[in-house]
Amino acid sequence: MFVMRAPHRLSVLVLASVMGCTADVAPLSSAQREAVAAYVSKKAPSPEYELEVEFANKVRLLGYDLDATEWRPGDILRVSWYWQTLVAPGAHWKLFTHLVSDDPPITIDQDVSGVVRWLYGPDRWQAGQFVQDTQELHLPEDWKADEVTLYVGLSHEGERLSITTGPSDGDNRARGPTVKTPVVGPHETPSRVPRLAVVQTRRPPRLDGSLNDPVWRAARTSAPFVETRSGGVAPLTASAKLLWDKRYLYVGVDISDALLRASDRDHDDHLWEQDCIELMFDPQGDGLSYFEIQVSPRGVVFDTRYDAPRIPKPFGHVDWDSGVRAAVSPRGKLDDLEPDAGYTVEMAIPWQAFSPKNRPASPPTIGNTWRANLYVMDLTRDRQQAASWSPLGIGDFHVPGRFGILTFEGPPDEMVGQSEPVQMPSNRAIHLESRKDAWDPGVKNRSIRRRAMNRRRPGEPRAAQVDEGLQRLESEETAH
């Protein structure tokens, strides 16, 4: 993540520096330190755009990276700010980011987006550290200006740390990039529900629960999840990415969570009572046949299908099997009291899952739209809380009319290569729910197929029959 670093080969020196804290700041847990370490270094970065803004001779903003030069309303802009700590700023200072337009006058705060904002603010910084502050900023769908300027700085209870040198607005805000924001035309009036483009991929992501596969770079990031009723600021931070090919719909969700709780271990346990992500898909967009899939930080799956909102009661057709493959990377230890950092879920859902009566299913075509909503359930120490991609207006998740809109797009020009099978690493526990799914040639790793296929259940074939199935699969792969 850090420009001048190799995130998986961090030095002991950097890790030790992250462990430090001031007397007024609670120490980070081991999981939180691990999440932060990739953003902190002793080596100077090389930002794409240089700024050199100095704050009170304590902190220097060296510059930033930007992933786009145009930002459409409703989209996500990824920006990385690069900070140098000259002297520890001291307790209570926090980073802020403002999205500003002069005509018409608009100011929007987006202060809390990103790992550094959540876990490693200036009140933890130490002299000599370089910090990469990566944010995914959301431009509201009703944005009316032609451009937006980003301003950043440090503040505490209304007071801003003074800027001594470098570009600023004269009010102790460092001036960052100005980005064009083309306003949508009358025929593109933003919907009252969020939209997300689902890009087609020619190469499936490697399912390891990390979202580090380069294929995910082509995916659009959803707007940050919001409070489920009002659409206001959610009590937790989460966002999602989706991709698709002729075999699967791929979903990646990243969640910041300070306490991971997921004691359920069996398929179709009530995962929503603790921590989990929850997906609802309505391919026809009529609310008459929609699908629900949940995955916990432990990798357990709950899946069901509904004929209409909450019909049949209480939990739909729970005998429905989505055949989903899920890989999860918890950033912390499950079901203890030590603070955690969150978790990432990566999923591959076969298109056949969306056939309500097991009829042959095919992937969507470019330009097709689906209705869908994405949720996060979070059990804290004393209450259950939630966030959603599309706000619902009421205290019920089963409101298909309030689901967001997914639009299936073709592959980007830079994505080359042929379609390949889904790849899963053999050194990670992958959730494979049924033996027939493990026979799917879409799973490339032979050892995973063998383990899954040799796990007999009542009424399943003997091992010899399983080996025959493997031989058939291997001959098919050779033929292709």
Protein backbone atom coordinates (compact mmCIF):
# COMPACT_ATOMS: atom_id res chain seq x y z
CA MET A 1 0.00 0.00 0.00
CA PHE A 2 2.77 2.45 0.92
CA VAL A 3 4.62 3.69 -2.15
CA MET A 4 8.07 3.13 -0.71
CA ARG A 5 7.29 -0.06 1.10
CA ALA A 6 6.69 -3.74 0.56
CA PRO A 7 3.63 -4.27 2.81
CA HIS A 8 4.31 -7.93 3.50
CA ARG A 9 8.01 -7.40 4.31
CA LEU A 10 7.80 -4.63 6.86
CA SER A 11 10.82 -4.17 9.07
CA VAL A 12 10.78 -4.85 12.77
CA LEU A 13 11.62 -1.18 13.22
CA VAL A 14 8.36 -0.04 11.57
CA LEU A 15 6.25 -2.55 13.48
CA ALA A 16 7.86 -1.47 16.73
CA SER A 17 7.18 2.18 15.97
CA VAL A 18 3.50 1.46 15.31
CA MET A 19 3.26 -0.27 18.69
CA GLY A 20 4.18 2.93 20.48
CA CYS A 21 1.55 5.34 21.75
CA THR A 22 1.20 8.44 23.85
CA ALA A 23 0.03 8.28 27.42
CA ASP A 24 -3.37 9.69 26.47
CA VAL A 25 -4.08 7.18 23.68
CA ALA A 26 -5.13 3.57 24.21
CA PRO A 27 -2.67 1.03 22.75
CA LEU A 28 -3.55 -0.78 19.55
CA SER A 29 -4.20 -4.51 19.59
CA SER A 30 -1.95 -6.85 17.61
CA ALA A 31 -4.56 -7.08 14.82
CA GLN A 32 -4.90 -3.31 14.65
CA ARG A 33 -1.12 -2.86 14.54
CA GLU A 34 -0.95 -5.33 11.67
CA ALA A 35 -3.64 -3.42 9.77
CA VAL A 36 -1.82 -0.12 10.29
CA ALA A 37 1.74 -1.29 9.63
CA ALA A 38 1.45 -1.21 5.81
CA TYR A 39 0.70 2.53 6.00
CA VAL A 40 3.67 3.57 8.16
CA SER A 41 7.36 3.69 7.17
CA LYS A 42 10.70 5.18 8.03
CA LYS A 43 11.47 5.64 4.34
CA ALA A 44 10.40 8.76 2.46
CA PRO A 45 7.66 8.25 -0.18
CA SER A 46 7.47 9.55 -3.73
CA PRO A 47 3.97 10.96 -4.20
CA GLU A 48 2.65 11.45 -7.72
CA TYR A 49 1.80 15.09 -6.96
CA GLU A 50 4.02 17.10 -4.60
CA LEU A 51 2.71 19.75 -2.18
CA GLU A 52 5.23 20.42 0.66
CA VAL A 53 2.79 21.97 3.16
CA GLU A 54 4.13 22.39 6.70
CA PHE A 55 1.94 22.55 9.80
CA ALA A 56 3.37 24.41 12.82
CA ASN A 57 6.83 22.89 12.21
CA LYS A 58 5.40 19.55 13.40
CA VAL A 59 3.89 17.81 10.38
CA ARG A 60 4.55 18.10 6.66
CA LEU A 61 2.13 17.10 3.88
CA LEU A 62 4.47 15.89 1.13
CA GLY A 63 1.88 15.32 -1.59
CA TYR A 64 -0.75 12.90 -2.81
CA ASP A 65 -1.71 10.20 -5.32
CA LEU A 66 -4.99 10.37 -7.23
CA ASP A 67 -6.62 7.54 -9.17
CA ALA A 68 -8.69 9.70 -11.56
CA THR A 69 -8.80 13.19 -13.04
CA GLU A 70 -12.59 13.21 -13.39
CA TRP A 71 -15.11 12.37 -10.66
CA ARG A 72 -18.75 11.72 -11.51
CA PRO A 73 -21.45 12.27 -8.87
CA GLY A 74 -22.16 9.04 -7.04
CA ASP A 75 -18.68 7.61 -7.71
CA ILE A 76 -15.71 6.87 -5.46
CA LEU A 77 -12.38 8.72 -5.75
CA ARG A 78 -9.32 7.10 -4.20
CA VAL A 79 -6.69 9.51 -2.88
CA SER A 80 -3.58 8.86 -0.79
CA TRP A 81 -2.11 11.71 1.27
CA TYR A 82 1.54 11.38 2.32
CA TRP A 83 2.50 12.83 5.69
CA GLN A 84 5.87 13.28 7.40
CA THR A 85 6.08 13.65 11.18
CA LEU A 86 8.77 16.16 12.20
CA VAL A 87 7.69 16.30 15.84
CA ALA A 88 4.92 14.27 17.45
CA PRO A 89 1.81 16.51 17.15
CA GLY A 90 0.51 15.45 20.56
CA ALA A 91 -2.80 14.17 21.83
CA HIS A 92 -6.23 14.99 20.40
CA TRP A 93 -5.23 16.15 16.92
CA LYS A 94 -7.32 14.57 14.14
CA LEU A 95 -7.13 14.66 10.35
CA PHE A 96 -9.93 16.22 8.34
CA THR A 97 -10.84 16.23 4.63
CA HIS A 98 -13.24 18.74 3.06
CA LEU A 99 -14.83 18.55 -0.40
CA VAL A 100 -15.37 22.16 -1.45
CA SER A 101 -17.09 24.00 -4.30
CA ASP A 102 -17.13 27.79 -4.62
CA ASP A 103 -19.99 27.94 -7.15
CA PRO A 104 -22.39 26.96 -5.78
CA PRO A 105 -20.87 27.14 -2.28
CA ILE A 106 -20.66 23.58 -0.90
CA THR A 107 -18.53 22.02 1.84
CA ILE A 108 -18.76 18.33 2.71
CA ASP A 109 -16.76 16.66 5.48
CA GLN A 110 -15.26 13.23 4.77
CA ASP A 111 -12.96 12.97 7.76
CA VAL A 112 -13.17 9.32 8.82
CA SER A 113 -12.61 7.37 5.60
CA GLY A 114 -9.54 5.11 5.68
CA VAL A 115 -7.53 2.90 8.01
CA VAL A 116 -5.25 5.72 9.18
CA ARG A 117 -8.22 7.95 10.05
CA TRP A 118 -9.79 5.15 12.07
CA LEU A 119 -6.80 3.60 13.82
CA TYR A 120 -3.68 5.75 13.47
CA GLY A 121 -4.44 9.45 13.64
CA PRO A 122 -1.89 12.22 14.35
CA ASP A 123 -2.29 11.70 18.09
CA ARG A 124 -0.33 8.44 17.58
CA TRP A 125 2.30 9.70 15.13
CA GLN A 126 5.94 9.71 16.18
CA ALA A 127 8.87 11.80 14.97
CA GLY A 128 10.52 10.36 11.87
CA GLN A 129 7.50 8.47 10.62
CA PHE A 130 6.03 8.71 7.12
CA VAL A 131 2.31 7.92 6.96
CA GLN A 132 0.23 7.03 3.90
CA ASP A 133 -3.32 8.24 4.54
CA THR A 134 -5.44 6.47 1.89
CA GLN A 135 -9.09 7.47 1.55
CA GLU A 136 -11.97 6.38 -0.68
CA LEU A 137 -14.11 9.50 -0.99
CA HIS A 138 -17.72 9.50 -2.11
CA LEU A 139 -19.11 12.35 -4.21
CA PRO A 140 -22.86 12.65 -3.49
CA GLU A 141 -25.18 11.82 -6.37
CA ASP A 142 -26.86 15.25 -6.05
CA TRP A 143 -23.56 17.15 -6.49
CA LYS A 144 -24.31 20.20 -8.69
CA ALA A 145 -20.93 21.91 -9.18
CA ASP A 146 -18.59 21.49 -12.15
CA GLU A 147 -15.54 20.77 -10.00
CA VAL A 148 -14.48 19.97 -6.45
CA THR A 149 -11.36 20.94 -4.51
CA LEU A 150 -9.99 18.76 -1.73
CA TYR A 151 -8.67 20.37 1.44
CA VAL A 152 -6.97 18.56 4.33
CA GLY A 153 -5.52 19.48 7.68
CA LEU A 154 -5.37 18.76 11.41
CA SER A 155 -7.92 19.99 13.91
CA HIS A 156 -8.94 19.72 17.54
CA GLU A 157 -12.23 21.04 18.97
CA GLY A 158 -12.64 23.63 16.21
CA GLU A 159 -9.01 24.75 16.22
CA ARG A 160 -6.83 23.97 13.19
CA LEU A 161 -3.11 23.39 13.32
CA SER A 162 -1.53 26.42 11.65
CA ILE A 163 0.05 26.19 8.20
CA THR A 164 3.44 27.90 8.00
CA THR A 165 4.39 27.10 4.37
CA GLY A 166 2.76 25.66 1.26
CA PRO A 167 -0.52 26.08 -0.67
CA SER A 168 -3.53 26.72 1.55
CA ASP A 169 -6.83 28.58 1.65
CA GLY A 170 -5.65 31.08 4.27
CA ASP A 171 -7.70 29.31 6.92
CA ASN A 172 -5.19 26.56 7.77
CA ARG A 173 -6.49 24.06 5.23
CA ALA A 174 -3.93 22.59 2.81
CA ARG A 175 -5.16 22.86 -0.75
CA GLY A 176 -5.14 19.54 -2.59
CA PRO A 177 -6.30 18.68 -6.10
CA THR A 178 -9.19 20.24 -7.99
CA VAL A 179 -11.10 17.57 -9.88
CA LYS A 180 -13.67 18.01 -12.65
CA THR A 181 -17.12 16.72 -11.65
CA PRO A 182 -19.32 16.52 -14.78
CA VAL A 183 -22.93 16.96 -13.75
CA VAL A 184 -25.24 14.26 -15.11
CA GLY A 185 -27.63 15.32 -17.87
CA PRO A 186 -31.43 15.35 -17.64
CA HIS A 187 -31.63 11.83 -19.10
CA GLU A 188 -29.20 10.64 -16.41
CA THR A 189 -30.98 12.04 -13.38
CA PRO A 190 -29.52 10.23 -10.36
CA SER A 191 -31.78 7.61 -8.85
CA ARG A 192 -32.98 7.83 -5.30
CA VAL A 193 -31.11 4.57 -4.73
CA PRO A 194 -27.37 4.04 -5.28
CA ARG A 195 -25.99 2.53 -8.46
CA LEU A 196 -22.86 0.47 -9.02
CA ALA A 197 -21.27 -0.67 -12.26
CA VAL A 198 -20.22 -4.34 -12.22
CA VAL A 199 -17.26 -4.71 -14.58
CA GLN A 200 -16.73 -7.91 -16.53
CA THR A 201 -13.39 -9.60 -15.90
CA ARG A 202 -11.50 -11.84 -18.30
CA ARG A 203 -9.43 -13.26 -15.45
CA PRO A 204 -11.18 -14.32 -12.23
CA PRO A 205 -9.75 -13.12 -8.94
CA ARG A 206 -7.85 -15.51 -6.74
CA LEU A 207 -10.18 -16.24 -3.84
CA ASP A 208 -8.06 -15.74 -0.73
CA GLY A 209 -10.10 -13.16 1.18
CA SER A 210 -7.64 -10.31 0.62
CA LEU A 211 -8.85 -8.39 -2.50
CA ASN A 212 -5.16 -7.96 -3.34
CA ASP A 213 -5.44 -9.72 -6.68
CA PRO A 214 -4.73 -7.11 -9.42
CA VAL A 215 -8.02 -8.09 -11.09
CA TRP A 216 -9.90 -6.20 -8.37
CA ARG A 217 -8.29 -2.92 -9.46
CA ALA A 218 -10.69 -2.82 -12.40
CA ALA A 219 -13.73 -3.09 -10.10
CA ARG A 220 -15.70 -0.03 -9.06
CA THR A 221 -15.94 0.58 -5.32
CA SER A 222 -19.37 1.14 -3.84
CA ALA A 223 -20.25 4.23 -1.88
CA PRO A 224 -19.52 3.74 1.83
CA PHE A 225 -22.31 1.87 3.58
CA VAL A 226 -24.77 4.07 5.45
CA GLU A 227 -27.18 3.91 8.35
CA THR A 228 -29.88 1.48 7.24
CA ARG A 229 -32.94 3.70 7.81
CA SER A 230 -31.96 7.33 7.27
CA GLY A 231 -28.99 6.93 4.95
CA GLY A 232 -26.88 8.97 7.38
CA VAL A 233 -23.41 8.14 8.68
CA ALA A 234 -23.21 4.44 9.56
CA PRO A 235 -21.94 3.21 12.93
CA LEU A 236 -19.23 1.23 11.09
CA THR A 237 -17.14 1.49 7.92
CA ALA A 238 -17.69 -0.85 4.96
CA SER A 239 -17.61 -0.84 1.17
CA ALA A 240 -17.91 -3.42 -1.60
CA LYS A 241 -16.65 -4.30 -5.08
CA LEU A 242 -18.26 -6.59 -7.67
CA LEU A 243 -17.00 -8.27 -10.83
CA TRP A 244 -18.49 -10.88 -13.17
CA ASP A 245 -17.62 -13.36 -15.88
CA LYS A 246 -19.45 -16.16 -17.67
CA ARG A 247 -19.22 -18.45 -14.64
CA TYR A 248 -19.57 -16.36 -11.51
CA LEU A 249 -20.59 -13.13 -9.84
CA TYR A 250 -17.66 -12.04 -7.64
CA VAL A 251 -18.24 -9.98 -4.50
CA GLY A 252 -15.63 -8.43 -2.22
CA VAL A 253 -16.59 -6.62 0.97
CA ASP A 254 -14.20 -4.94 3.41
CA ILE A 255 -15.39 -4.10 6.92
CA SER A 256 -13.75 -2.19 9.77
CA ASP A 257 -14.81 -3.83 13.02
CA ALA A 258 -13.19 -3.40 16.43
CA LEU A 259 -14.70 -6.59 17.90
CA LEU A 260 -15.14 -9.73 15.78
CA ARG A 261 -17.89 -12.04 17.02
CA ALA A 262 -18.81 -15.14 15.02
CA SER A 263 -19.32 -18.24 17.15
CA ASP A 264 -21.71 -19.99 14.71
CA ARG A 265 -20.04 -22.85 12.86
CA ASP A 266 -22.77 -24.65 10.91
CA HIS A 267 -24.25 -23.89 7.52
CA ASP A 268 -27.52 -21.88 7.77
CA ASP A 269 -26.96 -20.89 11.41
CA HIS A 270 -28.49 -17.49 12.21
CA LEU A 271 -25.41 -15.49 11.32
CA TRP A 272 -27.24 -12.16 11.44
CA GLU A 273 -27.34 -12.37 15.25
CA GLN A 274 -23.58 -11.67 15.38
CA ASP A 275 -21.13 -10.36 12.74
CA CYS A 276 -21.67 -11.06 9.05
CA ILE A 277 -22.15 -9.56 5.63
CA GLU A 278 -25.56 -10.03 4.04
CA LEU A 279 -26.30 -9.83 0.31
CA MET A 280 -29.73 -9.71 -1.33
CA PHE A 281 -30.11 -10.05 -5.11
CA ASP A 282 -33.28 -9.48 -7.12
CA PRO A 283 -32.31 -10.30 -10.74
CA GLN A 284 -35.73 -9.46 -12.22
CA GLY A 285 -36.14 -6.33 -10.12
CA ASP A 286 -39.77 -7.13 -9.24
CA GLY A 287 -39.33 -8.32 -5.65
CA LEU A 288 -41.08 -11.60 -6.46
CA SER A 289 -38.07 -13.89 -6.41
CA TYR A 290 -34.93 -12.75 -4.64
CA PHE A 291 -31.94 -14.41 -3.00
CA GLU A 292 -30.09 -13.89 0.27
CA ILE A 293 -26.53 -14.95 1.09
CA GLN A 294 -24.70 -14.27 4.35
CA VAL A 295 -21.06 -14.94 5.25
CA SER A 296 -19.55 -14.59 8.72
CA PRO A 297 -15.95 -13.69 9.64
CA ARG A 298 -15.52 -17.43 10.32
CA GLY A 299 -16.46 -18.26 6.71
CA VAL A 300 -19.80 -19.87 7.59
CA VAL A 301 -22.62 -19.38 5.06
CA PHE A 302 -26.35 -18.84 5.41
CA ASP A 303 -28.33 -18.81 2.16
CA THR A 304 -32.02 -18.74 1.35
CA ARG A 305 -34.49 -17.73 -1.37
CA TYR A 306 -37.78 -15.80 -1.12
CA ASP A 307 -40.84 -15.86 -3.38
CA ALA A 308 -41.80 -12.36 -2.16
CA PRO A 309 -40.70 -10.15 0.73
CA ARG A 310 -40.33 -12.52 3.73
CA ILE A 311 -42.40 -15.24 1.99
CA PRO A 312 -42.31 -18.04 2.94
CA LYS A 313 -41.91 -17.24 6.62
CA PRO A 314 -39.88 -17.21 8.71
CA PHE A 315 -36.65 -17.44 6.68
CA GLY A 316 -37.61 -18.32 3.10
CA HIS A 317 -36.55 -21.47 1.27
CA VAL A 318 -33.62 -22.33 3.52
CA ASP A 319 -33.10 -25.61 1.65
CA TRP A 320 -31.85 -23.57 -1.32
CA ASP A 321 -28.09 -23.95 -1.81
CA SER A 322 -26.32 -21.05 -3.50
CA GLY A 323 -23.12 -23.03 -4.14
CA VAL A 324 -21.18 -19.94 -3.11
CA ARG A 325 -17.45 -20.13 -2.56
CA ALA A 326 -16.28 -17.79 0.19
CA ALA A 327 -12.86 -16.89 1.56
CA VAL A 328 -12.52 -14.67 4.63
CA SER A 329 -9.53 -12.86 6.15
CA PRO A 330 -10.22 -11.73 9.73
CA ARG A 331 -7.95 -8.95 10.98
CA GLY A 332 -7.95 -10.13 14.55
CA LYS A 333 -8.94 -13.12 16.66
CA LEU A 334 -12.57 -14.19 16.66
CA ASP A 335 -14.68 -14.27 19.81
CA ASP A 336 -12.21 -12.83 22.30
CA LEU A 337 -12.17 -9.42 23.99
CA GLU A 338 -8.96 -8.09 22.42
CA PRO A 339 -9.61 -5.24 19.98
CA ASP A 340 -9.70 -6.24 16.31
CA ALA A 341 -9.42 -4.32 13.03
CA GLY A 342 -12.09 -5.92 10.82
CA TYR A 343 -12.36 -8.54 8.10
CA THR A 344 -12.59 -9.00 4.34
CA VAL A 345 -14.94 -11.38 2.54
CA GLU A 346 -14.38 -12.55 -1.02
CA MET A 347 -17.06 -14.60 -2.79
CA ALA A 348 -17.75 -16.36 -6.08
CA ILE A 349 -21.45 -17.06 -6.71
CA PRO A 350 -22.29 -19.32 -9.68
CA TRP A 351 -24.99 -18.00 -12.01
CA GLN A 352 -26.91 -21.21 -11.55
CA ALA A 353 -27.62 -20.06 -7.99
CA PHE A 354 -30.02 -17.44 -9.35
CA SER A 355 -32.29 -19.94 -11.08
CA PRO A 356 -35.28 -20.21 -8.67
CA LYS A 357 -36.43 -23.64 -9.83
CA ASN A 358 -33.06 -25.08 -10.82
CA ARG A 359 -33.62 -24.30 -14.49
CA PRO A 360 -30.52 -23.79 -16.64
CA ALA A 361 -29.09 -20.35 -15.92
CA SER A 362 -26.86 -18.06 -17.94
CA PRO A 363 -24.93 -14.92 -17.00
CA PRO A 364 -26.38 -11.48 -17.66
CA THR A 365 -25.55 -9.62 -20.84
CA ILE A 366 -23.75 -6.30 -20.96
CA GLY A 367 -26.18 -3.53 -20.08
CA ASN A 368 -28.48 -5.69 -17.95
CA THR A 369 -29.46 -4.33 -14.54
CA TRP A 370 -30.28 -6.10 -11.28
CA ARG A 371 -31.62 -4.84 -8.00
CA ALA A 372 -29.50 -5.67 -4.95
CA ASN A 373 -28.60 -4.55 -1.47
CA LEU A 374 -25.56 -5.22 0.68
CA TYR A 375 -25.53 -5.15 4.47
CA VAL A 376 -23.17 -5.57 7.40
CA MET A 377 -24.38 -6.89 10.75
CA ASP A 378 -22.20 -6.12 13.76
CA LEU A 379 -22.59 -7.32 17.34
CA THR A 380 -20.77 -4.97 19.70
CA ARG A 381 -20.24 -5.51 23.41
CA ASP A 382 -23.73 -4.28 24.25
CA ARG A 383 -25.88 -4.04 21.12
CA GLN A 384 -26.47 -5.11 17.52
CA GLN A 385 -25.86 -2.52 14.81
CA ALA A 386 -25.95 -2.53 11.02
CA ALA A 387 -25.08 -0.64 7.85
CA SER A 388 -26.31 -0.96 4.26
CA TRP A 389 -25.34 0.10 0.77
CA SER A 390 -28.82 1.43 0.00
CA PRO A 391 -30.85 2.94 2.87
CA LEU A 392 -34.27 1.40 3.41
CA GLY A 393 -36.28 4.07 5.24
CA ILE A 394 -37.74 1.53 7.66
CA GLY A 395 -36.49 -1.07 10.10
CA ASP A 396 -36.72 -3.99 7.67
CA PHE A 397 -34.04 -5.24 5.27
CA HIS A 398 -36.58 -6.96 2.99
CA VAL A 399 -37.63 -3.95 0.93
CA PRO A 400 -36.75 -4.79 -2.70
CA GLY A 401 -38.09 -1.47 -3.89
CA ARG A 402 -35.26 0.21 -1.98
CA PHE A 403 -32.50 -2.05 -3.28
CA GLY A 404 -29.72 -0.37 -5.22
CA ILE A 405 -29.08 -0.92 -8.93
CA LEU A 406 -26.26 -3.04 -10.38
CA THR A 407 -25.38 -2.45 -14.05
CA PHE A 408 -23.33 -5.12 -15.80
CA GLU A 409 -20.59 -3.61 -17.96
CA GLY A 410 -18.06 -5.07 -20.38
CA PRO A 411 -14.36 -5.48 -19.56
CA PRO A 412 -12.13 -2.41 -19.49
CA ASP A 413 -9.74 -1.96 -22.40
CA GLU A 414 -6.67 -2.62 -20.27
CA MET A 415 -7.92 -6.04 -19.12
CA VAL A 416 -6.39 -8.62 -21.45
CA GLY A 417 -6.17 -12.40 -21.52
CA GLN A 418 -8.61 -15.26 -21.79
CA SER A 419 -11.26 -16.38 -19.34
CA GLU A 420 -9.78 -18.76 -16.77
CA PRO A 421 -11.11 -20.96 -13.95
CA VAL A 422 -11.53 -19.61 -10.43
CA GLN A 423 -8.34 -20.13 -8.41
CA MET A 424 -8.28 -20.88 -4.70
CA PRO A 425 -5.12 -21.30 -2.60
CA SER A 426 -4.76 -24.69 -0.94
CA ASN A 427 -3.30 -23.25 2.26
CA ARG A 428 -6.50 -21.43 3.26
CA ALA A 429 -9.73 -22.88 4.59
CA ILE A 430 -12.18 -22.36 1.73
CA HIS A 431 -15.90 -22.75 2.31
CA LEU A 432 -17.18 -25.46 -0.07
CA GLU A 433 -20.72 -26.42 0.79
CA SER A 434 -21.51 -29.31 -1.53
CA ARG A 435 -19.58 -32.03 -3.27
CA LYS A 436 -21.23 -31.33 -6.62
CA ASP A 437 -19.94 -27.76 -6.48
CA ALA A 438 -16.43 -29.03 -5.83
CA TRP A 439 -16.69 -31.02 -9.10
CA ASP A 440 -17.26 -27.77 -10.98
CA PRO A 441 -14.30 -27.30 -13.37
CA GLY A 442 -14.35 -23.66 -12.28
CA VAL A 443 -12.31 -24.69 -9.23
CA LYS A 444 -8.76 -25.11 -10.45
CA ASN A 445 -6.89 -26.41 -7.41
CA ARG A 446 -6.92 -30.23 -7.52
CA SER A 447 -6.13 -30.72 -3.83
CA ILE A 448 -9.13 -28.63 -2.81
CA ARG A 449 -11.38 -30.62 -5.12
CA ARG A 450 -10.06 -33.89 -3.73
CA ARG A 451 -10.56 -32.89 -0.10
CA ALA A 452 -14.07 -31.62 -0.77
CA MET A 453 -15.08 -34.62 -2.86
CA ASN A 454 -13.74 -37.16 -0.38
CA ARG A 455 -15.79 -35.73 2.48
CA ARG A 456 -18.68 -38.21 2.42
CA ARG A 457 -22.15 -37.43 3.68
CA PRO A 458 -25.13 -39.76 4.09
CA GLY A 459 -26.12 -41.13 0.69
CA GLU A 460 -23.00 -39.90 -1.07
CA PRO A 461 -20.98 -42.18 -3.38
CA ARG A 462 -18.01 -44.19 -2.22
CA ALA A 463 -14.45 -42.93 -2.59
CA ALA A 464 -13.95 -44.97 -5.78
CA GLN A 465 -16.82 -43.13 -7.42
CA VAL A 466 -15.32 -39.83 -6.28
CA ASP A 467 -11.98 -40.74 -7.85
CA GLU A 468 -13.80 -41.52 -11.07
CA GLY A 469 -15.28 -38.03 -10.92
CA LEU A 470 -11.82 -36.53 -10.46
CA GLN A 471 -10.48 -38.48 -13.40
CA ARG A 472 -13.38 -37.22 -15.52
CA LEU A 473 -12.66 -33.63 -14.49
CA GLU A 474 -8.96 -33.97 -15.23
CA SER A 475 -9.63 -35.42 -18.67
CA GLU A 476 -12.06 -32.56 -19.39
CA GLU A 477 -9.46 -29.98 -18.36
CA THR A 478 -6.86 -31.67 -20.58
CA ALA A 479 -9.30 -31.63 -23.50
CA HIS A 480 -9.83 -27.88 -23.04
